[in-house]
Amino acid sequence: MTETTDALVLDLVEWVAREPRPYAEVIETWRTSCPRLTIWEDAVDRGYVARQPVEGLGVRVAITECGKNFLREHGRAN
């Protein structure tokens, strides 16, 4: 990963850490058509965020324990 990509993954994880987000909102905000900027996919693949079904609300995206550690390692923990 490049520094730019790492920084954007960190931004995404920090944004989701503030509150679980609806999946549609995350995809609308973070999806990209640029094959070099796979921020959403990288965050999921690295285990920093996960989709979670919520009854009556659909699918939410929340930070994982691994994502919390990632934020702490970069001085962005809550």
PDB file of N, CA and C in Angstrom:
ATOM      1  N   MET A   1       0.823  -1.185   0.000  1.00  0.00           N
ATOM      2  CA  MET A   1       0.000   0.000   0.000  1.00  0.00           C
ATOM      3  C   MET A   1       0.868   1.250   0.000  1.00  0.00           C
ATOM      4  N   THR A   2       0.371   2.281  -0.597  1.00  0.00           N
ATOM      5  CA  THR A   2       1.095   3.536  -0.607  1.00  0.00           C
ATOM      6  C   THR A   2       0.732   4.351   0.622  1.00  0.00           C
ATOM      7  N   GLU A   3       1.514   5.378   0.887  1.00  0.00           N
ATOM      8  CA  GLU A   3       1.207   6.255   2.018  1.00  0.00           C
ATOM      9  C   GLU A   3      -0.162   6.903   1.857  1.00  0.00           C
ATOM     10  N   THR A   4      -0.488   7.308   0.622  1.00  0.00           N
ATOM     11  CA  THR A   4      -1.789   7.928   0.370  1.00  0.00           C
ATOM     12  C   THR A   4      -2.917   6.959   0.680  1.00  0.00           C
ATOM     13  N   THR A   5      -2.788   5.749   0.222  1.00  0.00           N
ATOM     14  CA  THR A   5      -3.827   4.744   0.471  1.00  0.00           C
ATOM     15  C   THR A   5      -3.931   4.451   1.957  1.00  0.00           C
ATOM     16  N   ASP A   6      -2.811   4.275   2.639  1.00  0.00           N
ATOM     17  CA  ASP A   6      -2.837   4.027   4.083  1.00  0.00           C
ATOM     18  C   ASP A   6      -3.523   5.167   4.825  1.00  0.00           C
ATOM     19  N   ALA A   7      -3.225   6.398   4.440  1.00  0.00           N
ATOM     20  CA  ALA A   7      -3.839   7.555   5.095  1.00  0.00           C
ATOM     21  C   ALA A   7      -5.349   7.567   4.873  1.00  0.00           C
ATOM     22  N   LEU A   8      -5.782   7.212   3.672  1.00  0.00           N
ATOM     23  CA  LEU A   8      -7.218   7.193   3.393  1.00  0.00           C
ATOM     24  C   LEU A   8      -7.916   6.046   4.121  1.00  0.00           C
ATOM     25  N   VAL A   9      -7.269   4.893   4.223  1.00  0.00           N
ATOM     26  CA  VAL A   9      -7.840   3.791   5.005  1.00  0.00           C
ATOM     27  C   VAL A   9      -7.984   4.239   6.453  1.00  0.00           C
ATOM     28  N   LEU A  10      -6.989   4.902   6.981  1.00  0.00           N
ATOM     29  CA  LEU A  10      -7.044   5.417   8.345  1.00  0.00           C
ATOM     30  C   LEU A  10      -8.212   6.393   8.499  1.00  0.00           C
ATOM     31  N   ASP A  11      -8.405   7.275   7.538  1.00  0.00           N
ATOM     32  CA  ASP A  11      -9.530   8.219   7.572  1.00  0.00           C
ATOM     33  C   ASP A  11     -10.870   7.485   7.571  1.00  0.00           C
ATOM     34  N   LEU A  12     -10.994   6.477   6.726  1.00  0.00           N
ATOM     35  CA  LEU A  12     -12.239   5.703   6.667  1.00  0.00           C
ATOM     36  C   LEU A  12     -12.514   5.021   8.002  1.00  0.00           C
ATOM     37  N   VAL A  13     -11.518   4.365   8.561  1.00  0.00           N
ATOM     38  CA  VAL A  13     -11.705   3.648   9.823  1.00  0.00           C
ATOM     39  C   VAL A  13     -12.069   4.632  10.932  1.00  0.00           C
ATOM     40  N   GLU A  14     -11.424   5.767  10.963  1.00  0.00           N
ATOM     41  CA  GLU A  14     -11.737   6.788  11.971  1.00  0.00           C
ATOM     42  C   GLU A  14     -13.172   7.293  11.799  1.00  0.00           C
ATOM     43  N   TRP A  15     -13.610   7.492  10.574  1.00  0.00           N
ATOM     44  CA  TRP A  15     -14.964   7.966  10.288  1.00  0.00           C
ATOM     45  C   TRP A  15     -16.005   6.952  10.765  1.00  0.00           C
ATOM     46  N   VAL A  16     -15.770   5.675  10.501  1.00  0.00           N
ATOM     47  CA  VAL A  16     -16.701   4.628  10.942  1.00  0.00           C
ATOM     48  C   VAL A  16     -16.658   4.484  12.458  1.00  0.00           C
ATOM     49  N   ALA A  17     -15.501   4.737  13.077  1.00  0.00           N
ATOM     50  CA  ALA A  17     -15.372   4.599  14.531  1.00  0.00           C
ATOM     51  C   ALA A  17     -16.245   5.594  15.275  1.00  0.00           C
ATOM     52  N   ARG A  18     -16.541   6.728  14.663  1.00  0.00           N
ATOM     53  CA  ARG A  18     -17.390   7.730  15.328  1.00  0.00           C
ATOM     54  C   ARG A  18     -18.786   7.186  15.607  1.00  0.00           C
ATOM     55  N   GLU A  19     -19.292   6.397  14.680  1.00  0.00           N
ATOM     56  CA  GLU A  19     -20.589   5.734  14.839  1.00  0.00           C
ATOM     57  C   GLU A  19     -20.763   4.736  13.708  1.00  0.00           C
ATOM     58  N   PRO A  20     -21.416   3.603  13.970  1.00  0.00           N
ATOM     59  CA  PRO A  20     -21.695   2.667  12.874  1.00  0.00           C
ATOM     60  C   PRO A  20     -22.496   3.384  11.788  1.00  0.00           C
ATOM     61  N   ARG A  21     -22.165   3.105  10.562  1.00  0.00           N
ATOM     62  CA  ARG A  21     -22.792   3.782   9.418  1.00  0.00           C
ATOM     63  C   ARG A  21     -23.585   2.793   8.581  1.00  0.00           C
ATOM     64  N   PRO A  22     -24.679   3.257   7.976  1.00  0.00           N
ATOM     65  CA  PRO A  22     -25.382   2.385   7.030  1.00  0.00           C
ATOM     66  C   PRO A  22     -24.446   2.009   5.879  1.00  0.00           C
ATOM     67  N   TYR A  23     -24.519   0.768   5.473  1.00  0.00           N
ATOM     68  CA  TYR A  23     -23.656   0.269   4.394  1.00  0.00           C
ATOM     69  C   TYR A  23     -23.767   1.151   3.155  1.00  0.00           C
ATOM     70  N   ALA A  24     -24.992   1.530   2.782  1.00  0.00           N
ATOM     71  CA  ALA A  24     -25.186   2.346   1.583  1.00  0.00           C
ATOM     72  C   ALA A  24     -24.450   3.682   1.693  1.00  0.00           C
ATOM     73  N   GLU A  25     -24.446   4.280   2.874  1.00  0.00           N
ATOM     74  CA  GLU A  25     -23.736   5.547   3.078  1.00  0.00           C
ATOM     75  C   GLU A  25     -22.226   5.354   2.923  1.00  0.00           C
ATOM     76  N   VAL A  26     -21.705   4.274   3.476  1.00  0.00           N
ATOM     77  CA  VAL A  26     -20.265   4.009   3.377  1.00  0.00           C
ATOM     78  C   VAL A  26     -19.862   3.810   1.922  1.00  0.00           C
ATOM     79  N   ILE A  27     -20.626   3.003   1.218  1.00  0.00           N
ATOM     80  CA  ILE A  27     -20.292   2.732  -0.180  1.00  0.00           C
ATOM     81  C   ILE A  27     -20.423   4.002  -1.024  1.00  0.00           C
ATOM     82  N   GLU A  28     -21.451   4.774  -0.786  1.00  0.00           N
ATOM     83  CA  GLU A  28     -21.628   6.015  -1.540  1.00  0.00           C
ATOM     84  C   GLU A  28     -20.469   6.979  -1.292  1.00  0.00           C
ATOM     85  N   THR A  29     -20.001   7.030  -0.065  1.00  0.00           N
ATOM     86  CA  THR A  29     -18.950   7.966   0.313  1.00  0.00           C
ATOM     87  C   THR A  29     -17.557   7.488  -0.074  1.00  0.00           C
ATOM     88  N   TRP A  30     -17.286   6.196   0.061  1.00  0.00           N
ATOM     89  CA  TRP A  30     -15.927   5.693  -0.078  1.00  0.00           C
ATOM     90  C   TRP A  30     -15.659   4.850  -1.309  1.00  0.00           C
ATOM     91  N   ARG A  31     -16.654   4.503  -2.071  1.00  0.00           N
ATOM     92  CA  ARG A  31     -16.411   3.711  -3.281  1.00  0.00           C
ATOM     93  C   ARG A  31     -15.695   4.581  -4.311  1.00  0.00           C
ATOM     94  N   THR A  32     -14.830   3.975  -5.057  1.00  0.00           N
ATOM     95  CA  THR A  32     -14.118   4.696  -6.098  1.00  0.00           C
ATOM     96  C   THR A  32     -14.047   3.829  -7.344  1.00  0.00           C
ATOM     97  N   SER A  33     -13.981   4.474  -8.478  1.00  0.00           N
ATOM     98  CA  SER A  33     -13.840   3.724  -9.723  1.00  0.00           C
ATOM     99  C   SER A  33     -12.367   3.596 -10.109  1.00  0.00           C
ATOM    100  N   CYS A  34     -11.488   4.198  -9.325  1.00  0.00           N
ATOM    101  CA  CYS A  34     -10.054   4.125  -9.603  1.00  0.00           C
ATOM    102  C   CYS A  34      -9.495   2.821  -9.041  1.00  0.00           C
ATOM    103  N   PRO A  35      -8.960   1.954  -9.881  1.00  0.00           N
ATOM    104  CA  PRO A  35      -8.471   0.659  -9.384  1.00  0.00           C
ATOM    105  C   PRO A  35      -7.290   0.781  -8.425  1.00  0.00           C
ATOM    106  N   ARG A  36      -6.641   1.922  -8.386  1.00  0.00           N
ATOM    107  CA  ARG A  36      -5.514   2.104  -7.461  1.00  0.00           C
ATOM    108  C   ARG A  36      -5.960   2.592  -6.098  1.00  0.00           C
ATOM    109  N   LEU A  37      -7.193   3.028  -5.979  1.00  0.00           N
ATOM    110  CA  LEU A  37      -7.701   3.525  -4.698  1.00  0.00           C
ATOM    111  C   LEU A  37      -8.820   2.615  -4.212  1.00  0.00           C
ATOM    112  N   THR A  38      -8.442   1.540  -3.601  1.00  0.00           N
ATOM    113  CA  THR A  38      -9.404   0.542  -3.122  1.00  0.00           C
ATOM    114  C   THR A  38      -9.561   0.679  -1.604  1.00  0.00           C
ATOM    115  N   ILE A  39      -9.915   1.857  -1.168  1.00  0.00           N
ATOM    116  CA  ILE A  39      -9.938   2.183   0.260  1.00  0.00           C
ATOM    117  C   ILE A  39     -10.920   1.293   1.012  1.00  0.00           C
ATOM    118  N   TRP A  40     -12.162   1.231   0.549  1.00  0.00           N
ATOM    119  CA  TRP A  40     -13.169   0.408   1.213  1.00  0.00           C
ATOM    120  C   TRP A  40     -12.722  -1.049   1.248  1.00  0.00           C
ATOM    121  N   GLU A  41     -12.305  -1.561   0.120  1.00  0.00           N
ATOM    122  CA  GLU A  41     -11.897  -2.961   0.035  1.00  0.00           C
ATOM    123  C   GLU A  41     -10.695  -3.241   0.938  1.00  0.00           C
ATOM    124  N   ASP A  42      -9.740  -2.316   0.980  1.00  0.00           N
ATOM    125  CA  ASP A  42      -8.563  -2.502   1.828  1.00  0.00           C
ATOM    126  C   ASP A  42      -8.947  -2.534   3.306  1.00  0.00           C
ATOM    127  N   ALA A  43      -9.838  -1.646   3.714  1.00  0.00           N
ATOM    128  CA  ALA A  43     -10.263  -1.609   5.117  1.00  0.00           C
ATOM    129  C   ALA A  43     -10.970  -2.905   5.510  1.00  0.00           C
ATOM    130  N   VAL A  44     -11.794  -3.431   4.621  1.00  0.00           N
ATOM    131  CA  VAL A  44     -12.491  -4.694   4.880  1.00  0.00           C
ATOM    132  C   VAL A  44     -11.500  -5.860   4.866  1.00  0.00           C
ATOM    133  N   ASP A  45     -10.660  -5.919   3.847  1.00  0.00           N
ATOM    134  CA  ASP A  45      -9.697  -7.013   3.720  1.00  0.00           C
ATOM    135  C   ASP A  45      -8.737  -7.078   4.900  1.00  0.00           C
ATOM    136  N   ARG A  46      -8.384  -5.931   5.441  1.00  0.00           N
ATOM    137  CA  ARG A  46      -7.458  -5.885   6.576  1.00  0.00           C
ATOM    138  C   ARG A  46      -8.174  -6.091   7.907  1.00  0.00           C
ATOM    139  N   GLY A  47      -9.499  -6.220   7.865  1.00  0.00           N
ATOM    140  CA  GLY A  47     -10.265  -6.524   9.070  1.00  0.00           C
ATOM    141  C   GLY A  47     -10.518  -5.326   9.972  1.00  0.00           C
ATOM    142  N   TYR A  48     -10.439  -4.119   9.442  1.00  0.00           N
ATOM    143  CA  TYR A  48     -10.630  -2.915  10.248  1.00  0.00           C
ATOM    144  C   TYR A  48     -12.097  -2.536  10.419  1.00  0.00           C
ATOM    145  N   VAL A  49     -12.911  -2.870   9.438  1.00  0.00           N
ATOM    146  CA  VAL A  49     -14.353  -2.624   9.500  1.00  0.00           C
ATOM    147  C   VAL A  49     -15.075  -3.869   9.022  1.00  0.00           C
ATOM    148  N   ALA A  50     -16.338  -4.001   9.430  1.00  0.00           N
ATOM    149  CA  ALA A  50     -17.122  -5.173   9.033  1.00  0.00           C
ATOM    150  C   ALA A  50     -18.580  -4.780   8.851  1.00  0.00           C
ATOM    151  N   ARG A  51     -19.232  -5.472   7.934  1.00  0.00           N
ATOM    152  CA  ARG A  51     -20.677  -5.307   7.739  1.00  0.00           C
ATOM    153  C   ARG A  51     -21.399  -6.135   8.791  1.00  0.00           C
ATOM    154  N   GLN A  52     -22.465  -5.555   9.345  1.00  0.00           N
ATOM    155  CA  GLN A  52     -23.246  -6.248  10.357  1.00  0.00           C
ATOM    156  C   GLN A  52     -24.727  -6.034  10.073  1.00  0.00           C
ATOM    157  N   PRO A  53     -25.499  -7.127   9.937  1.00  0.00           N
ATOM    158  CA  PRO A  53     -26.943  -6.953   9.754  1.00  0.00           C
ATOM    159  C   PRO A  53     -27.568  -6.459  11.055  1.00  0.00           C
ATOM    160  N   VAL A  54     -28.463  -5.479  10.948  1.00  0.00           N
ATOM    161  CA  VAL A  54     -29.172  -4.941  12.103  1.00  0.00           C
ATOM    162  C   VAL A  54     -30.659  -5.025  11.787  1.00  0.00           C
ATOM    163  N   GLU A  55     -31.377  -5.782  12.597  1.00  0.00           N
ATOM    164  CA  GLU A  55     -32.802  -5.995  12.344  1.00  0.00           C
ATOM    165  C   GLU A  55     -33.543  -4.667  12.221  1.00  0.00           C
ATOM    166  N   GLY A  56     -34.279  -4.533  11.148  1.00  0.00           N
ATOM    167  CA  GLY A  56     -35.073  -3.343  10.904  1.00  0.00           C
ATOM    168  C   GLY A  56     -34.294  -2.178  10.312  1.00  0.00           C
ATOM    169  N   LEU A  57     -32.975  -2.265  10.296  1.00  0.00           N
ATOM    170  CA  LEU A  57     -32.157  -1.158   9.777  1.00  0.00           C
ATOM    171  C   LEU A  57     -31.328  -1.542   8.566  1.00  0.00           C
ATOM    172  N   GLY A  58     -31.288  -2.805   8.253  1.00  0.00           N
ATOM    173  CA  GLY A  58     -30.459  -3.251   7.132  1.00  0.00           C
ATOM    174  C   GLY A  58     -29.050  -3.577   7.582  1.00  0.00           C
ATOM    175  N   VAL A  59     -28.092  -3.264   6.747  1.00  0.00           N
ATOM    176  CA  VAL A  59     -26.694  -3.590   7.034  1.00  0.00           C
ATOM    177  C   VAL A  59     -25.970  -2.330   7.479  1.00  0.00           C
ATOM    178  N   ARG A  60     -25.239  -2.453   8.570  1.00  0.00           N
ATOM    179  CA  ARG A  60     -24.422  -1.367   9.098  1.00  0.00           C
ATOM    180  C   ARG A  60     -22.963  -1.743   8.952  1.00  0.00           C
ATOM    181  N   VAL A  61     -22.110  -0.747   8.917  1.00  0.00           N
ATOM    182  CA  VAL A  61     -20.663  -0.964   8.912  1.00  0.00           C
ATOM    183  C   VAL A  61     -20.145  -0.438  10.238  1.00  0.00           C
ATOM    184  N   ALA A  62     -19.379  -1.269  10.931  1.00  0.00           N
ATOM    185  CA  ALA A  62     -18.835  -0.895  12.232  1.00  0.00           C
ATOM    186  C   ALA A  62     -17.351  -1.216  12.287  1.00  0.00           C
ATOM    187  N   ILE A  63     -16.671  -0.551  13.172  1.00  0.00           N
ATOM    188  CA  ILE A  63     -15.246  -0.802  13.373  1.00  0.00           C
ATOM    189  C   ILE A  63     -15.070  -2.103  14.148  1.00  0.00           C
ATOM    190  N   THR A  64     -14.000  -2.796  13.863  1.00  0.00           N
ATOM    191  CA  THR A  64     -13.690  -4.047  14.558  1.00  0.00           C
ATOM    192  C   THR A  64     -12.624  -3.776  15.623  1.00  0.00           C
ATOM    193  N   GLU A  65     -12.330  -4.773  16.408  1.00  0.00           N
ATOM    194  CA  GLU A  65     -11.260  -4.662  17.401  1.00  0.00           C
ATOM    195  C   GLU A  65      -9.928  -4.375  16.699  1.00  0.00           C
ATOM    196  N   CYS A  66      -9.707  -5.016  15.582  1.00  0.00           N
ATOM    197  CA  CYS A  66      -8.495  -4.782  14.786  1.00  0.00           C
ATOM    198  C   CYS A  66      -8.445  -3.322  14.310  1.00  0.00           C
ATOM    199  N   GLY A  67      -9.592  -2.796  13.924  1.00  0.00           N
ATOM    200  CA  GLY A  67      -9.672  -1.395  13.503  1.00  0.00           C
ATOM    201  C   GLY A  67      -9.368  -0.451  14.646  1.00  0.00           C
ATOM    202  N   LYS A  68      -9.850  -0.774  15.839  1.00  0.00           N
ATOM    203  CA  LYS A  68      -9.547   0.054  17.022  1.00  0.00           C
ATOM    204  C   LYS A  68      -8.051   0.052  17.298  1.00  0.00           C
ATOM    205  N   ASN A  69      -7.431  -1.107  17.169  1.00  0.00           N
ATOM    206  CA  ASN A  69      -5.973  -1.187  17.360  1.00  0.00           C
ATOM    207  C   ASN A  69      -5.239  -0.359  16.314  1.00  0.00           C
ATOM    208  N   PHE A  70      -5.704  -0.417  15.073  1.00  0.00           N
ATOM    209  CA  PHE A  70      -5.123   0.355  13.983  1.00  0.00           C
ATOM    210  C   PHE A  70      -5.170   1.850  14.300  1.00  0.00           C
ATOM    211  N   LEU A  71      -6.302   2.322  14.800  1.00  0.00           N
ATOM    212  CA  LEU A  71      -6.422   3.735  15.174  1.00  0.00           C
ATOM    213  C   LEU A  71      -5.469   4.091  16.311  1.00  0.00           C
ATOM    214  N   ARG A  72      -5.410   3.228  17.319  1.00  0.00           N
ATOM    215  CA  ARG A  72      -4.508   3.479  18.451  1.00  0.00           C
ATOM    216  C   ARG A  72      -3.052   3.565  18.001  1.00  0.00           C
ATOM    217  N   GLU A  73      -2.671   2.649  17.130  1.00  0.00           N
ATOM    218  CA  GLU A  73      -1.290   2.632  16.623  1.00  0.00           C
ATOM    219  C   GLU A  73      -0.915   3.910  15.886  1.00  0.00           C
ATOM    220  N   HIS A  74      -1.923   4.596  15.357  1.00  0.00           N
ATOM    221  CA  HIS A  74      -1.681   5.823  14.594  1.00  0.00           C
ATOM    222  C   HIS A  74      -2.124   7.068  15.353  1.00  0.00           C
ATOM    223  N   GLY A  75      -2.330   6.936  16.653  1.00  0.00           N
ATOM    224  CA  GLY A  75      -2.668   8.091  17.482  1.00  0.00           C
ATOM    225  C   GLY A  75      -4.037   8.690  17.232  1.00  0.00           C
ATOM    226  N   ARG A  76      -4.966   7.876  16.743  1.00  0.00           N
ATOM    227  CA  ARG A  76      -6.300   8.389  16.448  1.00  0.00           C
ATOM    228  C   ARG A  76      -7.394   7.689  17.250  1.00  0.00           C
ATOM    229  N   ALA A  77      -7.022   7.047  18.337  1.00  0.00           N
ATOM    230  CA  ALA A  77      -8.018   6.337  19.142  1.00  0.00           C
ATOM    231  C   ALA A  77      -8.912   7.344  19.857  1.00  0.00           C
ATOM    232  N   ASN A  78     -10.169   6.922  20.066  1.00  0.00           N
ATOM    233  CA  ASN A  78     -11.131   7.781  20.777  1.00  0.00           C
ATOM    234  C   ASN A  78     -10.743   7.918  22.218  1.00  0.00           C
TER     235      ASN A  78
END
